[in-house]
């Protein structure tokens, strides 16, 4: 019998929509590096590129003990594009 992991933010839930919306805002904001990630084998992504939002929703769902608000705050810090002040 396969082990079924509990999905913390199931599709269609209010939590999933809120987190997905915050991630999408990061994608639309040019201040963050939100490039798609390479995924070697996937039927869902035939071009081999997983979108930023899908990647992080997947991570949150596979790590149910994570606090989503803390994860998003750290993600913003890690992906913020640093601009130099040189003229």
PDB file of N, CA and C in Angstrom:
ATOM      1  N   UNK A   1       0.842  -1.177   0.000  1.00  0.00           N
ATOM      2  CA  UNK A   1       0.000   0.000   0.000  1.00  0.00           C
ATOM      3  C   UNK A   1       0.892   1.248   0.000  1.00  0.00           C
ATOM      4  N   UNK A   2       0.773   2.115  -1.021  1.00  0.00           N
ATOM      5  CA  UNK A   2       1.635   3.298  -1.097  1.00  0.00           C
ATOM      6  C   UNK A   2       1.284   4.314  -0.011  1.00  0.00           C
ATOM      7  N   UNK A   3       2.316   5.014   0.440  1.00  0.00           N
ATOM      8  CA  UNK A   3       2.122   6.057   1.439  1.00  0.00           C
ATOM      9  C   UNK A   3       1.628   7.314   0.734  1.00  0.00           C
ATOM     10  N   UNK A   4       0.519   7.856   1.202  1.00  0.00           N
ATOM     11  CA  UNK A   4      -0.051   9.062   0.609  1.00  0.00           C
ATOM     12  C   UNK A   4       0.256  10.225   1.536  1.00  0.00           C
ATOM     13  N   UNK A   5       0.990  11.212   1.004  1.00  0.00           N
ATOM     14  CA  UNK A   5       1.304  12.386   1.800  1.00  0.00           C
ATOM     15  C   UNK A   5       0.110  13.322   1.821  1.00  0.00           C
ATOM     16  N   UNK A   6      -0.108  13.927   2.968  1.00  0.00           N
ATOM     17  CA  UNK A   6      -1.170  14.908   3.085  1.00  0.00           C
ATOM     18  C   UNK A   6      -0.763  16.160   2.314  1.00  0.00           C
ATOM     19  N   UNK A   7      -1.633  16.641   1.464  1.00  0.00           N
ATOM     20  CA  UNK A   7      -1.365  17.871   0.732  1.00  0.00           C
ATOM     21  C   UNK A   7      -1.830  19.028   1.596  1.00  0.00           C
ATOM     22  N   UNK A   8      -0.900  19.877   1.945  1.00  0.00           N
ATOM     23  CA  UNK A   8      -1.181  20.980   2.841  1.00  0.00           C
ATOM     24  C   UNK A   8      -2.061  22.032   2.195  1.00  0.00           C
ATOM     25  N   UNK A   9      -1.814  22.309   0.926  1.00  0.00           N
ATOM     26  CA  UNK A   9      -2.539  23.360   0.211  1.00  0.00           C
ATOM     27  C   UNK A   9      -3.199  22.753  -1.028  1.00  0.00           C
ATOM     28  N   UNK A  10      -4.297  21.994  -0.829  1.00  0.00           N
ATOM     29  CA  UNK A  10      -4.927  21.319  -1.970  1.00  0.00           C
ATOM     30  C   UNK A  10      -5.465  22.313  -2.993  1.00  0.00           C
ATOM     31  N   UNK A  11      -5.471  21.882  -4.243  1.00  0.00           N
ATOM     32  CA  UNK A  11      -5.975  22.732  -5.325  1.00  0.00           C
ATOM     33  C   UNK A  11      -7.379  23.209  -5.024  1.00  0.00           C
ATOM     34  N   UNK A  12      -7.589  24.486  -5.237  1.00  0.00           N
ATOM     35  CA  UNK A  12      -8.906  25.057  -5.030  1.00  0.00           C
ATOM     36  C   UNK A  12      -9.155  25.579  -3.630  1.00  0.00           C
ATOM     37  N   UNK A  13      -8.253  25.269  -2.686  1.00  0.00           N
ATOM     38  CA  UNK A  13      -8.459  25.751  -1.320  1.00  0.00           C
ATOM     39  C   UNK A  13      -8.119  27.240  -1.255  1.00  0.00           C
ATOM     40  N   UNK A  14      -8.648  27.901  -0.247  1.00  0.00           N
ATOM     41  CA  UNK A  14      -8.386  29.333  -0.059  1.00  0.00           C
ATOM     42  C   UNK A  14      -6.887  29.552   0.158  1.00  0.00           C
ATOM     43  N   UNK A  15      -6.266  28.691   0.951  1.00  0.00           N
ATOM     44  CA  UNK A  15      -4.836  28.817   1.229  1.00  0.00           C
ATOM     45  C   UNK A  15      -4.017  28.699  -0.056  1.00  0.00           C
ATOM     46  N   UNK A  16      -4.376  27.708  -0.872  1.00  0.00           N
ATOM     47  CA  UNK A  16      -3.650  27.498  -2.138  1.00  0.00           C
ATOM     48  C   UNK A  16      -3.785  28.718  -3.034  1.00  0.00           C
ATOM     49  N   UNK A  17      -4.969  29.273  -3.124  1.00  0.00           N
ATOM     50  CA  UNK A  17      -5.189  30.451  -3.970  1.00  0.00           C
ATOM     51  C   UNK A  17      -4.398  31.644  -3.471  1.00  0.00           C
ATOM     52  N   UNK A  18      -4.357  31.852  -2.148  1.00  0.00           N
ATOM     53  CA  UNK A  18      -3.614  32.981  -1.580  1.00  0.00           C
ATOM     54  C   UNK A  18      -2.115  32.858  -1.834  1.00  0.00           C
ATOM     55  N   UNK A  19      -1.578  31.681  -1.600  1.00  0.00           N
ATOM     56  CA  UNK A  19      -0.139  31.469  -1.807  1.00  0.00           C
ATOM     57  C   UNK A  19       0.201  31.586  -3.283  1.00  0.00           C
ATOM     58  N   UNK A  20      -0.612  30.970  -4.133  1.00  0.00           N
ATOM     59  CA  UNK A  20      -0.379  31.040  -5.579  1.00  0.00           C
ATOM     60  C   UNK A  20      -0.421  32.501  -6.058  1.00  0.00           C
ATOM     61  N   UNK A  21      -1.329  33.294  -5.520  1.00  0.00           N
ATOM     62  CA  UNK A  21      -1.432  34.702  -5.888  1.00  0.00           C
ATOM     63  C   UNK A  21      -0.173  35.479  -5.470  1.00  0.00           C
ATOM     64  N   UNK A  22       0.328  35.203  -4.272  1.00  0.00           N
ATOM     65  CA  UNK A  22       1.557  35.874  -3.821  1.00  0.00           C
ATOM     66  C   UNK A  22       2.741  35.502  -4.694  1.00  0.00           C
ATOM     67  N   UNK A  23       2.844  34.226  -5.056  1.00  0.00           N
ATOM     68  CA  UNK A  23       3.926  33.791  -5.934  1.00  0.00           C
ATOM     69  C   UNK A  23       3.798  34.435  -7.314  1.00  0.00           C
ATOM     70  N   UNK A  24       2.572  34.526  -7.821  1.00  0.00           N
ATOM     71  CA  UNK A  24       2.345  35.142  -9.131  1.00  0.00           C
ATOM     72  C   UNK A  24       2.718  36.624  -9.099  1.00  0.00           C
ATOM     73  N   UNK A  25       2.472  37.308  -7.995  1.00  0.00           N
ATOM     74  CA  UNK A  25       2.860  38.712  -7.860  1.00  0.00           C
ATOM     75  C   UNK A  25       4.379  38.855  -7.939  1.00  0.00           C
ATOM     76  N   UNK A  26       5.099  37.893  -7.376  1.00  0.00           N
ATOM     77  CA  UNK A  26       6.557  37.911  -7.475  1.00  0.00           C
ATOM     78  C   UNK A  26       6.996  37.760  -8.925  1.00  0.00           C
ATOM     79  N   UNK A  27       6.316  36.894  -9.672  1.00  0.00           N
ATOM     80  CA  UNK A  27       6.652  36.683 -11.086  1.00  0.00           C
ATOM     81  C   UNK A  27       6.435  37.972 -11.878  1.00  0.00           C
ATOM     82  N   UNK A  28       5.353  38.675 -11.582  1.00  0.00           N
ATOM     83  CA  UNK A  28       5.030  39.900 -12.318  1.00  0.00           C
ATOM     84  C   UNK A  28       5.924  41.081 -11.932  1.00  0.00           C
ATOM     85  N   UNK A  29       6.523  41.023 -10.752  1.00  0.00           N
ATOM     86  CA  UNK A  29       7.398  42.083 -10.263  1.00  0.00           C
ATOM     87  C   UNK A  29       8.807  41.812 -10.787  1.00  0.00           C
ATOM     88  N   UNK A  30       9.382  42.761 -11.474  1.00  0.00           N
ATOM     89  CA  UNK A  30      10.716  42.590 -12.047  1.00  0.00           C
ATOM     90  C   UNK A  30      11.838  42.595 -11.030  1.00  0.00           C
ATOM     91  N   UNK A  31      11.510  42.734  -9.753  1.00  0.00           N
ATOM     92  CA  UNK A  31      12.525  42.780  -8.701  1.00  0.00           C
ATOM     93  C   UNK A  31      12.991  41.398  -8.254  1.00  0.00           C
ATOM     94  N   UNK A  32      12.359  40.351  -8.761  1.00  0.00           N
ATOM     95  CA  UNK A  32      12.677  38.995  -8.321  1.00  0.00           C
ATOM     96  C   UNK A  32      13.102  38.130  -9.498  1.00  0.00           C
ATOM     97  N   UNK A  33      14.019  37.217  -9.221  1.00  0.00           N
ATOM     98  CA  UNK A  33      14.434  36.236 -10.212  1.00  0.00           C
ATOM     99  C   UNK A  33      13.459  35.067 -10.132  1.00  0.00           C
ATOM    100  N   UNK A  34      12.561  34.999 -11.082  1.00  0.00           N
ATOM    101  CA  UNK A  34      11.519  33.964 -11.072  1.00  0.00           C
ATOM    102  C   UNK A  34      11.563  33.120 -12.348  1.00  0.00           C
ATOM    103  N   UNK A  35      12.760  32.875 -12.824  1.00  0.00           N
ATOM    104  CA  UNK A  35      12.918  32.069 -14.036  1.00  0.00           C
ATOM    105  C   UNK A  35      12.425  30.640 -13.790  1.00  0.00           C
ATOM    106  N   UNK A  36      11.877  29.994 -14.824  1.00  0.00           N
ATOM    107  CA  UNK A  36      11.458  28.595 -14.674  1.00  0.00           C
ATOM    108  C   UNK A  36      12.663  27.709 -14.351  1.00  0.00           C
ATOM    109  N   UNK A  37      12.412  26.585 -13.707  1.00  0.00           N
ATOM    110  CA  UNK A  37      13.467  25.645 -13.334  1.00  0.00           C
ATOM    111  C   UNK A  37      13.434  24.443 -14.268  1.00  0.00           C
ATOM    112  N   UNK A  38      14.618  23.909 -14.521  1.00  0.00           N
ATOM    113  CA  UNK A  38      14.721  22.698 -15.343  1.00  0.00           C
ATOM    114  C   UNK A  38      14.288  21.492 -14.512  1.00  0.00           C
ATOM    115  N   UNK A  39      13.466  20.660 -15.116  1.00  0.00           N
ATOM    116  CA  UNK A  39      13.045  19.402 -14.495  1.00  0.00           C
ATOM    117  C   UNK A  39      13.279  18.321 -15.553  1.00  0.00           C
ATOM    118  N   UNK A  40      14.126  17.332 -15.255  1.00  0.00           N
ATOM    119  CA  UNK A  40      14.571  16.400 -16.301  1.00  0.00           C
ATOM    120  C   UNK A  40      13.491  15.542 -16.936  1.00  0.00           C
ATOM    121  N   UNK A  41      12.582  15.004 -16.165  1.00  0.00           N
ATOM    122  CA  UNK A  41      11.573  14.115 -16.729  1.00  0.00           C
ATOM    123  C   UNK A  41      10.209  14.553 -16.210  1.00  0.00           C
ATOM    124  N   UNK A  42       9.337  14.883 -17.125  1.00  0.00           N
ATOM    125  CA  UNK A  42       8.003  15.275 -16.692  1.00  0.00           C
ATOM    126  C   UNK A  42       7.040  15.245 -17.863  1.00  0.00           C
ATOM    127  N   UNK A  43       5.904  14.605 -17.649  1.00  0.00           N
ATOM    128  CA  UNK A  43       4.854  14.605 -18.670  1.00  0.00           C
ATOM    129  C   UNK A  43       4.115  15.934 -18.666  1.00  0.00           C
ATOM    130  N   UNK A  44       4.032  16.542 -17.483  1.00  0.00           N
ATOM    131  CA  UNK A  44       3.297  17.798 -17.349  1.00  0.00           C
ATOM    132  C   UNK A  44       4.049  18.967 -17.993  1.00  0.00           C
ATOM    133  N   UNK A  45       5.374  18.906 -18.016  1.00  0.00           N
ATOM    134  CA  UNK A  45       6.198  19.979 -18.583  1.00  0.00           C
ATOM    135  C   UNK A  45       7.085  19.411 -19.689  1.00  0.00           C
ATOM    136  N   UNK A  46       6.542  19.213 -20.886  1.00  0.00           N
ATOM    137  CA  UNK A  46       7.295  18.568 -21.964  1.00  0.00           C
ATOM    138  C   UNK A  46       8.535  19.344 -22.403  1.00  0.00           C
ATOM    139  N   UNK A  47       8.554  20.668 -22.183  1.00  0.00           N
ATOM    140  CA  UNK A  47       9.743  21.441 -22.548  1.00  0.00           C
ATOM    141  C   UNK A  47      10.826  21.358 -21.480  1.00  0.00           C
ATOM    142  N   UNK A  48      10.527  20.677 -20.359  1.00  0.00           N
ATOM    143  CA  UNK A  48      11.505  20.497 -19.298  1.00  0.00           C
ATOM    144  C   UNK A  48      11.610  21.669 -18.343  1.00  0.00           C
ATOM    145  N   UNK A  49      10.750  22.671 -18.481  1.00  0.00           N
ATOM    146  CA  UNK A  49      10.816  23.844 -17.615  1.00  0.00           C
ATOM    147  C   UNK A  49       9.580  23.932 -16.724  1.00  0.00           C
ATOM    148  N   UNK A  50       9.812  23.936 -15.417  1.00  0.00           N
ATOM    149  CA  UNK A  50       8.717  24.060 -14.460  1.00  0.00           C
ATOM    150  C   UNK A  50       8.599  25.529 -14.059  1.00  0.00           C
ATOM    151  N   UNK A  51       7.419  26.128 -14.212  1.00  0.00           N
ATOM    152  CA  UNK A  51       7.232  27.525 -13.833  1.00  0.00           C
ATOM    153  C   UNK A  51       7.505  27.761 -12.341  1.00  0.00           C
ATOM    154  N   UNK A  52       7.956  28.957 -12.022  1.00  0.00           N
ATOM    155  CA  UNK A  52       8.291  29.368 -10.666  1.00  0.00           C
ATOM    156  C   UNK A  52       7.159  29.062  -9.683  1.00  0.00           C
ATOM    157  N   UNK A  53       5.938  29.441 -10.028  1.00  0.00           N
ATOM    158  CA  UNK A  53       4.799  29.245  -9.128  1.00  0.00           C
ATOM    159  C   UNK A  53       4.571  27.756  -8.868  1.00  0.00           C
ATOM    160  N   UNK A  54       4.563  26.951  -9.905  1.00  0.00           N
ATOM    161  CA  UNK A  54       4.341  25.509  -9.748  1.00  0.00           C
ATOM    162  C   UNK A  54       5.441  24.871  -8.903  1.00  0.00           C
ATOM    163  N   UNK A  55       6.677  25.295  -9.128  1.00  0.00           N
ATOM    164  CA  UNK A  55       7.813  24.737  -8.385  1.00  0.00           C
ATOM    165  C   UNK A  55       7.650  24.964  -6.887  1.00  0.00           C
ATOM    166  N   UNK A  56       7.278  26.175  -6.509  1.00  0.00           N
ATOM    167  CA  UNK A  56       7.204  26.483  -5.087  1.00  0.00           C
ATOM    168  C   UNK A  56       5.924  25.951  -4.450  1.00  0.00           C
ATOM    169  N   UNK A  57       4.841  25.850  -5.198  1.00  0.00           N
ATOM    170  CA  UNK A  57       3.635  25.198  -4.673  1.00  0.00           C
ATOM    171  C   UNK A  57       3.924  23.719  -4.436  1.00  0.00           C
ATOM    172  N   UNK A  58       4.645  23.118  -5.339  1.00  0.00           N
ATOM    173  CA  UNK A  58       5.005  21.706  -5.198  1.00  0.00           C
ATOM    174  C   UNK A  58       5.872  21.508  -3.952  1.00  0.00           C
ATOM    175  N   UNK A  59       6.843  22.399  -3.759  1.00  0.00           N
ATOM    176  CA  UNK A  59       7.726  22.298  -2.598  1.00  0.00           C
ATOM    177  C   UNK A  59       6.935  22.431  -1.293  1.00  0.00           C
ATOM    178  N   UNK A  60       6.044  23.408  -1.229  1.00  0.00           N
ATOM    179  CA  UNK A  60       5.238  23.596  -0.022  1.00  0.00           C
ATOM    180  C   UNK A  60       4.361  22.381   0.263  1.00  0.00           C
ATOM    181  N   UNK A  61       3.818  21.783  -0.779  1.00  0.00           N
ATOM    182  CA  UNK A  61       2.955  20.614  -0.587  1.00  0.00           C
ATOM    183  C   UNK A  61       3.724  19.360  -0.204  1.00  0.00           C
ATOM    184  N   UNK A  62       4.987  19.268  -0.583  1.00  0.00           N
ATOM    185  CA  UNK A  62       5.777  18.093  -0.207  1.00  0.00           C
ATOM    186  C   UNK A  62       6.458  18.285   1.145  1.00  0.00           C
ATOM    187  N   UNK A  63       6.382  19.480   1.698  1.00  0.00           N
ATOM    188  CA  UNK A  63       6.954  19.772   3.015  1.00  0.00           C
ATOM    189  C   UNK A  63       5.878  20.406   3.895  1.00  0.00           C
ATOM    190  N   UNK A  64       4.932  19.597   4.370  1.00  0.00           N
ATOM    191  CA  UNK A  64       3.760  20.129   5.070  1.00  0.00           C
ATOM    192  C   UNK A  64       4.052  20.826   6.393  1.00  0.00           C
ATOM    193  N   UNK A  65       5.237  20.624   6.960  1.00  0.00           N
ATOM    194  CA  UNK A  65       5.541  21.272   8.239  1.00  0.00           C
ATOM    195  C   UNK A  65       6.022  22.713   8.067  1.00  0.00           C
ATOM    196  N   UNK A  66       6.270  23.124   6.831  1.00  0.00           N
ATOM    197  CA  UNK A  66       6.732  24.494   6.591  1.00  0.00           C
ATOM    198  C   UNK A  66       5.609  25.496   6.828  1.00  0.00           C
ATOM    199  N   UNK A  67       5.975  26.633   7.382  1.00  0.00           N
ATOM    200  CA  UNK A  67       5.050  27.757   7.527  1.00  0.00           C
ATOM    201  C   UNK A  67       5.119  28.530   6.212  1.00  0.00           C
ATOM    202  N   UNK A  68       4.027  28.567   5.477  1.00  0.00           N
ATOM    203  CA  UNK A  68       4.018  29.173   4.143  1.00  0.00           C
ATOM    204  C   UNK A  68       4.397  30.649   4.175  1.00  0.00           C
ATOM    205  N   UNK A  69       3.951  31.385   5.182  1.00  0.00           N
ATOM    206  CA  UNK A  69       4.278  32.817   5.236  1.00  0.00           C
ATOM    207  C   UNK A  69       5.771  33.021   5.444  1.00  0.00           C
ATOM    208  N   UNK A  70       6.394  32.200   6.270  1.00  0.00           N
ATOM    209  CA  UNK A  70       7.849  32.296   6.476  1.00  0.00           C
ATOM    210  C   UNK A  70       8.597  31.865   5.203  1.00  0.00           C
ATOM    211  N   UNK A  71       8.098  30.823   4.566  1.00  0.00           N
ATOM    212  CA  UNK A  71       8.720  30.351   3.332  1.00  0.00           C
ATOM    213  C   UNK A  71       8.691  31.451   2.269  1.00  0.00           C
ATOM    214  N   UNK A  72       7.542  32.119   2.111  1.00  0.00           N
ATOM    215  CA  UNK A  72       7.424  33.187   1.119  1.00  0.00           C
ATOM    216  C   UNK A  72       8.321  34.373   1.466  1.00  0.00           C
ATOM    217  N   UNK A  73       8.426  34.703   2.746  1.00  0.00           N
ATOM    218  CA  UNK A  73       9.306  35.803   3.162  1.00  0.00           C
ATOM    219  C   UNK A  73      10.756  35.477   2.822  1.00  0.00           C
ATOM    220  N   UNK A  74      11.184  34.262   3.115  1.00  0.00           N
ATOM    221  CA  UNK A  74      12.553  33.854   2.780  1.00  0.00           C
ATOM    222  C   UNK A  74      12.761  33.790   1.276  1.00  0.00           C
ATOM    223  N   UNK A  75      11.767  33.329   0.559  1.00  0.00           N
ATOM    224  CA  UNK A  75      11.859  33.249  -0.898  1.00  0.00           C
ATOM    225  C   UNK A  75      12.033  34.641  -1.506  1.00  0.00           C
ATOM    226  N   UNK A  76      11.321  35.624  -0.970  1.00  0.00           N
ATOM    227  CA  UNK A  76      11.479  37.004  -1.447  1.00  0.00           C
ATOM    228  C   UNK A  76      12.906  37.499  -1.227  1.00  0.00           C
ATOM    229  N   UNK A  77      13.459  37.190  -0.062  1.00  0.00           N
ATOM    230  CA  UNK A  77      14.837  37.611   0.232  1.00  0.00           C
ATOM    231  C   UNK A  77      15.844  36.930  -0.692  1.00  0.00           C
ATOM    232  N   UNK A  78      15.651  35.635  -0.925  1.00  0.00           N
ATOM    233  CA  UNK A  78      16.600  34.874  -1.739  1.00  0.00           C
ATOM    234  C   UNK A  78      16.525  35.193  -3.223  1.00  0.00           C
ATOM    235  N   UNK A  79      15.364  35.590  -3.711  1.00  0.00           N
ATOM    236  CA  UNK A  79      15.212  35.792  -5.149  1.00  0.00           C
ATOM    237  C   UNK A  79      15.266  37.259  -5.569  1.00  0.00           C
ATOM    238  N   UNK A  80      15.354  38.178  -4.595  1.00  0.00           N
ATOM    239  CA  UNK A  80      15.406  39.594  -4.935  1.00  0.00           C
ATOM    240  C   UNK A  80      16.660  39.870  -5.762  1.00  0.00           C
ATOM    241  N   UNK A  81      16.481  40.563  -6.863  1.00  0.00           N
ATOM    242  CA  UNK A  81      17.585  40.922  -7.747  1.00  0.00           C
ATOM    243  C   UNK A  81      18.275  42.143  -7.152  1.00  0.00           C
ATOM    244  N   UNK A  82      19.552  41.996  -6.922  1.00  0.00           N
ATOM    245  CA  UNK A  82      20.320  43.100  -6.348  1.00  0.00           C
ATOM    246  C   UNK A  82      20.806  44.024  -7.462  1.00  0.00           C
ATOM    247  N   UNK A  83      20.570  45.282  -7.294  1.00  0.00           N
ATOM    248  CA  UNK A  83      20.973  46.289  -8.274  1.00  0.00           C
ATOM    249  C   UNK A  83      22.180  47.034  -7.735  1.00  0.00           C
ATOM    250  N   UNK A  84      23.144  47.274  -8.579  1.00  0.00           N
ATOM    251  CA  UNK A  84      24.320  48.028  -8.136  1.00  0.00           C
ATOM    252  C   UNK A  84      24.020  49.522  -8.170  1.00  0.00           C
ATOM    253  N   UNK A  85      24.678  50.278  -7.309  1.00  0.00           N
ATOM    254  CA  UNK A  85      24.478  51.717  -7.235  1.00  0.00           C
ATOM    255  C   UNK A  85      25.458  52.484  -8.114  1.00  0.00           C
ATOM    256  N   UNK A  86      26.275  51.779  -8.865  1.00  0.00           N
ATOM    257  CA  UNK A  86      27.259  52.466  -9.714  1.00  0.00           C
ATOM    258  C   UNK A  86      26.564  53.141 -10.893  1.00  0.00           C
ATOM    259  N   UNK A  87      27.096  54.293 -11.258  1.00  0.00           N
ATOM    260  CA  UNK A  87      26.474  55.091 -12.325  1.00  0.00           C
ATOM    261  C   UNK A  87      27.025  54.760 -13.673  1.00  0.00           C
TER     262      UNK A  87
END
